[in-house]
Each structure stands twice: as structure tokens, then as C-alpha cells.
N, C-alpha and C. Protein backbone atom coordinates (compact mmCIF):
# COMPACT_ATOMS: atom_id res chain seq x y z
N UNK A 1 4.77 -4.05 10.17
CA UNK A 1 5.12 -2.40 10.44
C UNK A 1 5.31 -2.40 12.04
N UNK A 2 5.92 -1.57 12.27
CA UNK A 2 6.11 -1.56 13.79
C UNK A 2 4.97 -0.53 14.19
N UNK A 3 4.27 -0.77 15.21
CA UNK A 3 2.97 -0.47 16.00
C UNK A 3 3.33 0.83 16.21
N UNK A 4 4.63 1.54 16.67
CA UNK A 4 4.96 2.93 17.23
C UNK A 4 5.11 3.60 16.02
N UNK A 5 5.58 3.19 14.74
CA UNK A 5 5.64 4.21 13.67
C UNK A 5 4.37 4.81 13.48
N UNK A 6 4.29 6.04 13.04
CA UNK A 6 2.94 6.50 12.65
C UNK A 6 2.80 6.49 11.11
N UNK A 7 1.76 6.75 10.89
CA UNK A 7 1.54 6.65 9.44
C UNK A 7 1.14 7.94 8.95
N UNK A 8 1.99 8.63 8.10
CA UNK A 8 1.58 10.13 7.62
C UNK A 8 0.70 10.07 6.49
N UNK A 9 -0.33 10.90 6.62
CA UNK A 9 -1.70 10.95 5.52
C UNK A 9 -1.94 12.55 5.14
N UNK A 10 -2.49 12.61 4.00
CA UNK A 10 -2.68 13.82 3.39
C UNK A 10 -4.08 14.38 3.37
N UNK A 11 -5.06 13.20 4.19
CA UNK A 11 -6.33 13.62 4.19
C UNK A 11 -7.13 13.92 5.23
N UNK A 12 -8.20 14.65 5.66
CA UNK A 12 -8.80 14.64 6.81
C UNK A 12 -9.29 13.49 7.29
N UNK A 13 -9.77 12.64 6.82
CA UNK A 13 -10.11 11.12 7.03
C UNK A 13 -9.60 10.09 6.34
N UNK A 14 -9.31 8.82 7.15
CA UNK A 14 -8.62 7.76 6.82
C UNK A 14 -9.29 6.47 6.88
N UNK A 15 -9.09 5.67 5.82
CA UNK A 15 -9.95 4.77 6.24
C UNK A 15 -8.58 3.17 6.70
N UNK A 16 -9.12 2.42 7.98
CA UNK A 16 -8.23 1.51 8.58
C UNK A 16 -8.83 0.11 8.54
N UNK A 17 -8.00 -0.73 8.03
CA UNK A 17 -8.77 -1.98 8.21
C UNK A 17 -7.74 -3.01 8.85
N UNK A 18 -6.73 -2.78 9.57
CA UNK A 18 -5.86 -3.08 10.18
C UNK A 18 -4.92 -4.02 9.26
N UNK A 19 -4.90 -3.83 7.98
CA UNK A 19 -3.90 -4.63 7.10
C UNK A 19 -4.72 -5.57 6.59
N UNK A 20 -5.91 -5.97 6.41
CA UNK A 20 -6.53 -7.09 5.92
C UNK A 20 -6.10 -8.39 6.27
N UNK A 21 -6.75 -9.49 5.63
CA UNK A 21 -6.31 -10.91 6.02
C UNK A 21 -6.88 -11.21 6.93
N UNK A 22 -6.17 -12.16 7.96
CA UNK A 22 -6.79 -12.71 9.40
C UNK A 22 -6.43 -11.63 10.18
N UNK A 23 -5.35 -10.98 10.11
CA UNK A 23 -5.11 -9.58 11.08
C UNK A 23 -5.54 -8.59 11.27
N UNK A 24 -6.69 -8.34 9.97
CA UNK A 24 -7.20 -7.46 10.02
C UNK A 24 -8.48 -7.18 10.92
N UNK A 25 -9.36 -5.90 10.72
CA UNK A 25 -10.70 -5.90 11.82
C UNK A 25 -11.19 -5.15 10.52
N UNK A 26 -12.65 -4.79 10.89
CA UNK A 26 -13.95 -4.16 10.25
C UNK A 26 -13.32 -2.62 9.67
N UNK A 27 -13.62 -2.23 8.40
CA UNK A 27 -13.02 -0.98 7.79
C UNK A 27 -13.69 -0.05 8.52
N UNK A 28 -12.78 0.97 9.30
CA UNK A 28 -13.33 2.14 9.94
C UNK A 28 -12.97 3.52 9.36
N UNK A 29 -13.51 4.58 9.21
CA UNK A 29 -13.29 5.66 8.78
C UNK A 29 -12.82 6.58 10.08
N UNK A 30 -11.39 6.74 10.28
CA UNK A 30 -11.21 8.04 11.31
C UNK A 30 -10.99 9.22 10.81
N UNK A 31 -11.67 10.51 11.41
CA UNK A 31 -11.72 11.41 10.92
C UNK A 31 -10.74 12.14 12.02
N UNK A 32 -9.80 13.55 11.44
CA UNK A 32 -8.89 13.94 12.13
C UNK A 32 -9.82 15.45 12.86
N UNK A 33 -9.91 15.71 13.76
CA UNK A 33 -10.56 16.70 14.13
C UNK A 33 -9.27 18.05 14.82
N UNK A 34 -9.53 18.63 15.99
CA UNK A 34 -8.65 19.80 16.13
C UNK A 34 -7.00 19.16 16.46
N UNK A 35 -7.04 17.74 16.57
CA UNK A 35 -5.62 16.99 16.64
C UNK A 35 -4.96 16.48 15.46
N UNK A 36 -3.94 16.59 14.96
CA UNK A 36 -3.16 16.27 13.73
C UNK A 36 -2.78 14.87 14.21
N UNK A 37 -3.39 14.09 15.00
CA UNK A 37 -3.21 12.72 15.16
C UNK A 37 -4.02 11.81 15.90
N UNK A 38 -4.47 10.62 15.24
CA UNK A 38 -5.45 9.60 15.38
C UNK A 38 -4.97 8.48 15.61
N UNK A 39 -5.50 7.47 16.80
CA UNK A 39 -5.25 6.18 16.87
C UNK A 39 -6.55 5.36 16.43
N UNK A 40 -6.45 4.15 15.82
CA UNK A 40 -7.38 3.29 15.48
C UNK A 40 -7.68 2.84 16.59
N UNK A 41 -8.94 2.63 16.70
CA UNK A 41 -9.34 1.83 18.24
C UNK A 41 -9.32 0.69 18.19
N UNK A 42 -9.10 -0.34 17.03
CA UNK A 42 -9.02 -1.79 16.87
C UNK A 42 -7.71 -2.42 16.81
N UNK A 43 -6.74 -1.48 16.11
CA UNK A 43 -5.50 -2.02 15.98
C UNK A 43 -4.33 -1.21 16.51
N UNK A 44 -4.62 0.15 16.97
CA UNK A 44 -3.98 1.04 17.54
C UNK A 44 -2.69 1.78 16.87
N UNK A 45 -3.11 1.50 15.24
CA UNK A 45 -2.00 2.15 14.35
C UNK A 45 -2.37 3.72 14.73
N UNK A 46 -1.17 4.32 14.49
CA UNK A 46 -1.28 5.79 14.74
C UNK A 46 -1.10 6.44 13.07
N UNK A 47 -1.91 7.39 12.89
CA UNK A 47 -2.05 7.91 12.13
C UNK A 47 -1.90 9.58 11.93
N UNK A 48 -0.87 10.38 11.10
CA UNK A 48 -0.56 11.84 11.76
C UNK A 48 -0.75 12.52 10.28
N UNK A 49 -1.64 13.35 10.47
CA UNK A 49 -1.97 14.42 9.33
C UNK A 49 -0.65 15.43 9.13
N UNK A 50 -0.11 15.28 7.74
CA UNK A 50 0.69 15.94 7.46
C UNK A 50 0.75 17.31 7.33
N UNK A 51 1.53 18.07 8.16
CA UNK A 51 1.55 19.67 8.41
C UNK A 51 1.19 20.09 7.08
N UNK A 52 1.64 19.70 5.92
CA UNK A 52 1.74 20.49 5.02
C UNK A 52 0.89 19.64 4.11
N UNK A 53 -0.12 19.06 4.29
CA UNK A 53 -1.15 18.69 3.77
C UNK A 53 -2.12 19.73 3.11
N UNK A 54 -2.65 19.65 1.97
CA UNK A 54 -3.71 20.92 1.38
C UNK A 54 -5.05 20.47 2.35
N UNK A 55 -5.23 19.57 2.79
CA UNK A 55 -6.67 19.45 3.74
C UNK A 55 -6.40 19.75 5.08
N UNK A 56 -5.10 19.89 5.55
CA UNK A 56 -4.80 20.51 6.78
C UNK A 56 -4.96 22.06 6.96
N UNK A 57 -6.41 22.07 7.29
CA UNK A 57 -6.73 23.69 7.67
C UNK A 57 -7.05 23.48 9.18
N UNK A 58 -6.45 22.99 9.92
CA UNK A 58 -7.16 22.84 11.67
C UNK A 58 -6.32 24.06 12.15
N UNK A 59 -6.06 25.02 11.64
CA UNK A 59 -5.08 26.28 12.25
C UNK A 59 -6.23 26.98 13.04
N UNK A 60 -5.73 27.83 13.71
CA UNK A 60 -6.63 28.81 14.61
C UNK A 60 -6.82 29.91 14.18
């Protein structure tokens, strides 16, 4: 997977383990706040909350 390519999700919290196996890392739960994008502190995968996701209630 291209590390620059974001992963689109529909939930306000995502779990990332780096893909498992030898290349993985401890599972962490990442929660979106006012931003619709979050980066895993371990593997730098970018997760983007779909703007039309049912959980995307981060409007003002």
C-alpha cells in the first residue's frame, strides 16, 4: 500500500495495527476530533473520515 494514499473510513474511531505480521505494531485506536483526518503515530497511515459517513457529525 502506498503510504501517501489515505484510507477512507465511516466510523469516528479506527483501529490500526500497521497491517499485522512482522511489519505491524501494537493496535492503537485513533479517534477523529474536529479534523476529518488522522495519522497513525506508529506507521503514519492516513485515515480520512468520509464526509457522507453517518458518524461524520463534526459540523459546526
